[in-house]
Amino acid sequence: MWGELIEDIKIIIHNLTEGIVNEIDEQLEINKKREFEEKGITLYKHNNSSKRKIVTLNGSLEIKRIKLYDEEKKVTVITKDEYLEIHELPYKMTVQAIEQVSFIGQNKISFRASSELLEKLLGIEISASNVRKVTEYVGKAIYKTDTMEADKKYDDIVNLNIKRQREDVNYM
């Protein structure tokens, strides 16, 4: 009984989320056109809207996407992608889904086990190879950030030592 209730609740949450996300198009379009008009760019709505499946913490959602463009200035905006913060991501997933996939991906014994756990706990259907790709992507991003921070700290220490040496020379 509880299992069925939980499944029903998951379906309701999924449907509500998908419905809400697909109903915000008009306001997003108005806001984005206004934002670009202030920059002297007039955006036009592309005749064909497309659909895209994205992975969220509420499972996969199929979203309608409206493309706005200005051919002359070579500007294209897909408002919903920006709103969901997926426009710069390499995978069709929300940031929160990427975080969970990479977290579970790095903590399980195999990517296949991670894939199974993600489906069981979060309802996220993702292949073991995609769990690996997402986990490696996040790992590389973290490594790059850590390396840049370490290099900056190293440079700060070197510059501080040079400054102290110059002060010591000037003091003598």
Protein backbone atom coordinates (compact mmCIF):
# COMPACT_ATOMS: atom_id res chain seq x y z
CA MET A 1 0.00 0.00 0.00
CA TRP A 2 2.68 2.54 0.97
CA GLY A 3 4.71 1.63 -2.09
CA GLU A 4 1.76 2.35 -4.37
CA LEU A 5 1.05 5.63 -2.58
CA ILE A 6 4.65 6.75 -2.95
CA GLU A 7 4.62 5.86 -6.66
CA ASP A 8 1.37 7.79 -7.13
CA ILE A 9 2.87 10.82 -5.36
CA LYS A 10 5.98 10.64 -7.58
CA ILE A 11 3.77 10.62 -10.68
CA ILE A 12 1.73 13.58 -9.40
CA ILE A 13 4.89 15.58 -8.60
CA HIS A 14 6.34 14.73 -12.01
CA ASN A 15 3.17 15.81 -13.84
CA LEU A 16 2.87 19.02 -11.81
CA THR A 17 6.51 19.90 -12.44
CA GLU A 18 6.20 19.23 -16.17
CA GLY A 19 2.99 21.26 -16.34
CA ILE A 20 4.42 24.24 -14.49
CA VAL A 21 7.63 24.27 -16.51
CA ASN A 22 5.68 24.17 -19.77
CA GLU A 23 3.31 26.98 -18.76
CA ILE A 24 5.92 29.67 -18.15
CA ASP A 25 6.85 30.19 -21.81
CA GLU A 26 4.86 33.37 -22.39
CA GLN A 27 6.33 35.24 -19.42
CA LEU A 28 9.86 34.07 -20.22
CA GLU A 29 9.45 35.26 -23.81
CA ILE A 30 8.20 38.71 -22.71
CA ASN A 31 11.02 39.11 -20.18
CA LYS A 32 13.76 38.03 -22.60
CA LYS A 33 12.49 40.28 -25.43
CA ARG A 34 12.41 43.23 -23.01
CA GLU A 35 15.94 42.45 -21.79
CA PHE A 36 17.33 42.39 -25.34
CA GLU A 37 15.36 45.45 -26.49
CA GLU A 38 17.28 47.43 -23.85
CA LYS A 39 20.46 46.35 -25.69
CA GLY A 40 19.03 47.40 -29.06
CA ILE A 41 18.30 43.84 -30.20
CA THR A 42 14.84 42.80 -31.39
CA LEU A 43 14.15 39.12 -30.88
CA TYR A 44 11.62 37.25 -33.00
CA LYS A 45 9.91 34.02 -32.13
CA HIS A 46 10.91 31.09 -34.31
CA ASN A 47 7.88 29.40 -35.89
CA ASN A 48 8.86 25.91 -34.82
CA SER A 49 9.06 25.14 -31.15
CA SER A 50 10.90 21.99 -30.23
CA LYS A 51 10.69 19.50 -27.43
CA ARG A 52 13.54 18.22 -25.35
CA LYS A 53 13.77 15.59 -22.67
CA ILE A 54 15.77 16.61 -19.65
CA VAL A 55 16.67 14.71 -16.52
CA THR A 56 15.62 16.33 -13.25
CA LEU A 57 15.36 15.14 -9.67
CA ASN A 58 11.70 14.46 -10.49
CA GLY A 59 12.66 12.09 -13.31
CA SER A 60 12.75 12.86 -17.02
CA LEU A 61 10.63 15.76 -18.19
CA GLU A 62 9.68 16.60 -21.74
CA ILE A 63 9.75 20.35 -22.12
CA LYS A 64 8.58 22.60 -24.93
CA ARG A 65 11.28 24.99 -26.05
CA ILE A 66 10.72 28.33 -27.75
CA LYS A 67 13.58 29.80 -29.72
CA LEU A 68 13.97 33.57 -30.02
CA TYR A 69 16.39 34.97 -32.56
CA ASP A 70 17.77 38.00 -34.35
CA GLU A 71 19.38 36.88 -37.63
CA GLU A 72 21.07 40.20 -38.27
CA LYS A 73 22.89 40.27 -34.94
CA LYS A 74 23.36 36.47 -34.84
CA VAL A 75 21.60 36.10 -31.49
CA THR A 76 19.64 33.01 -30.51
CA VAL A 77 18.05 32.47 -27.12
CA ILE A 78 16.15 29.47 -25.85
CA THR A 79 14.43 31.01 -22.86
CA LYS A 80 13.46 27.86 -21.00
CA ASP A 81 16.98 26.45 -21.18
CA GLU A 82 18.29 29.62 -19.54
CA TYR A 83 15.50 29.60 -16.95
CA LEU A 84 16.29 26.00 -16.00
CA GLU A 85 20.03 26.81 -16.09
CA ILE A 86 20.78 24.04 -18.58
CA HIS A 87 21.86 26.25 -21.51
CA GLU A 88 25.58 25.94 -20.74
CA LEU A 89 25.59 22.34 -19.53
CA PRO A 90 26.93 19.50 -21.65
CA TYR A 91 24.17 17.08 -20.65
CA LYS A 92 20.41 17.29 -20.86
CA MET A 93 20.14 17.46 -17.09
CA THR A 94 19.51 20.09 -14.46
CA VAL A 95 22.39 21.14 -12.23
CA GLN A 96 20.78 19.35 -9.28
CA ALA A 97 20.47 16.10 -11.27
CA ILE A 98 24.10 16.36 -12.38
CA GLU A 99 25.16 16.82 -8.74
CA GLN A 100 23.24 13.74 -7.60
CA VAL A 101 24.40 11.57 -10.52
CA SER A 102 28.04 12.49 -9.96
CA PHE A 103 27.78 12.09 -6.18
CA ILE A 104 26.27 8.62 -6.43
CA GLY A 105 28.52 7.78 -9.38
CA GLN A 106 31.66 8.39 -7.36
CA ASN A 107 30.42 6.63 -4.23
CA LYS A 108 29.22 3.30 -5.59
CA ILE A 109 31.36 0.32 -6.51
CA SER A 110 30.37 0.53 -10.18
CA PHE A 111 28.61 2.90 -12.53
CA ARG A 112 26.05 0.17 -13.21
CA ALA A 113 25.25 0.01 -9.48
CA SER A 114 25.00 3.82 -9.48
CA SER A 115 22.60 3.71 -12.40
CA GLU A 116 20.39 1.20 -10.62
CA LEU A 117 20.43 3.21 -7.38
CA LEU A 118 19.53 6.45 -9.18
CA GLU A 119 16.54 4.77 -10.77
CA LYS A 120 15.42 3.18 -7.52
CA LEU A 121 15.82 6.24 -5.29
CA LEU A 122 15.17 9.17 -7.58
CA GLY A 123 13.43 7.67 -10.60
CA ILE A 124 16.26 8.89 -12.81
CA GLU A 125 16.78 6.50 -15.69
CA ILE A 126 20.36 6.92 -16.82
CA SER A 127 22.73 4.39 -18.32
CA ALA A 128 25.92 3.32 -16.58
CA SER A 129 28.00 4.90 -19.36
CA ASN A 130 26.20 8.23 -18.89
CA VAL A 131 26.72 8.04 -15.12
CA ARG A 132 30.43 7.61 -15.88
CA LYS A 133 30.47 10.55 -18.31
CA VAL A 134 28.68 12.89 -15.89
CA THR A 135 30.86 11.79 -12.95
CA GLU A 136 34.05 12.32 -14.97
CA TYR A 137 32.83 15.71 -16.22
CA VAL A 138 32.17 16.91 -12.67
CA GLY A 139 35.45 15.42 -11.44
CA LYS A 140 37.41 17.26 -14.14
CA ALA A 141 35.62 20.52 -13.36
CA ILE A 142 36.43 20.17 -9.66
CA TYR A 143 40.05 19.27 -10.44
CA LYS A 144 40.38 22.30 -12.72
CA THR A 145 38.92 24.63 -10.09
CA ASP A 146 41.12 23.17 -7.34
CA THR A 147 44.20 23.45 -9.55
CA MET A 148 43.46 27.09 -10.39
CA GLU A 149 42.97 27.90 -6.70
CA ALA A 150 46.19 26.10 -5.76
CA ASP A 151 48.11 27.93 -8.51
CA LYS A 152 46.75 31.27 -7.28
CA LYS A 153 47.74 30.50 -3.70
CA TYR A 154 51.19 29.40 -4.86
CA ASP A 155 51.61 32.64 -6.84
CA ASP A 156 50.49 34.64 -3.79
CA ILE A 157 53.08 32.89 -1.61
CA VAL A 158 55.85 33.41 -4.18
CA ASN A 159 54.94 37.10 -4.55
CA LEU A 160 54.84 37.50 -0.77
CA ASN A 161 58.31 35.92 -0.46
CA ILE A 162 59.68 38.19 -3.21
CA LYS A 163 58.20 41.21 -1.46
CA ARG A 164 59.76 40.15 1.84
CA GLN A 165 63.13 39.59 0.21
CA ARG A 166 63.01 43.07 -1.32
CA GLU A 167 62.06 44.54 2.03
CA ASP A 168 64.95 42.69 3.66
CA VAL A 169 67.38 44.04 1.04
CA ASN A 170 66.07 47.58 1.45
CA TYR A 171 66.25 47.26 5.24
CA MET A 172 69.94 46.40 5.21
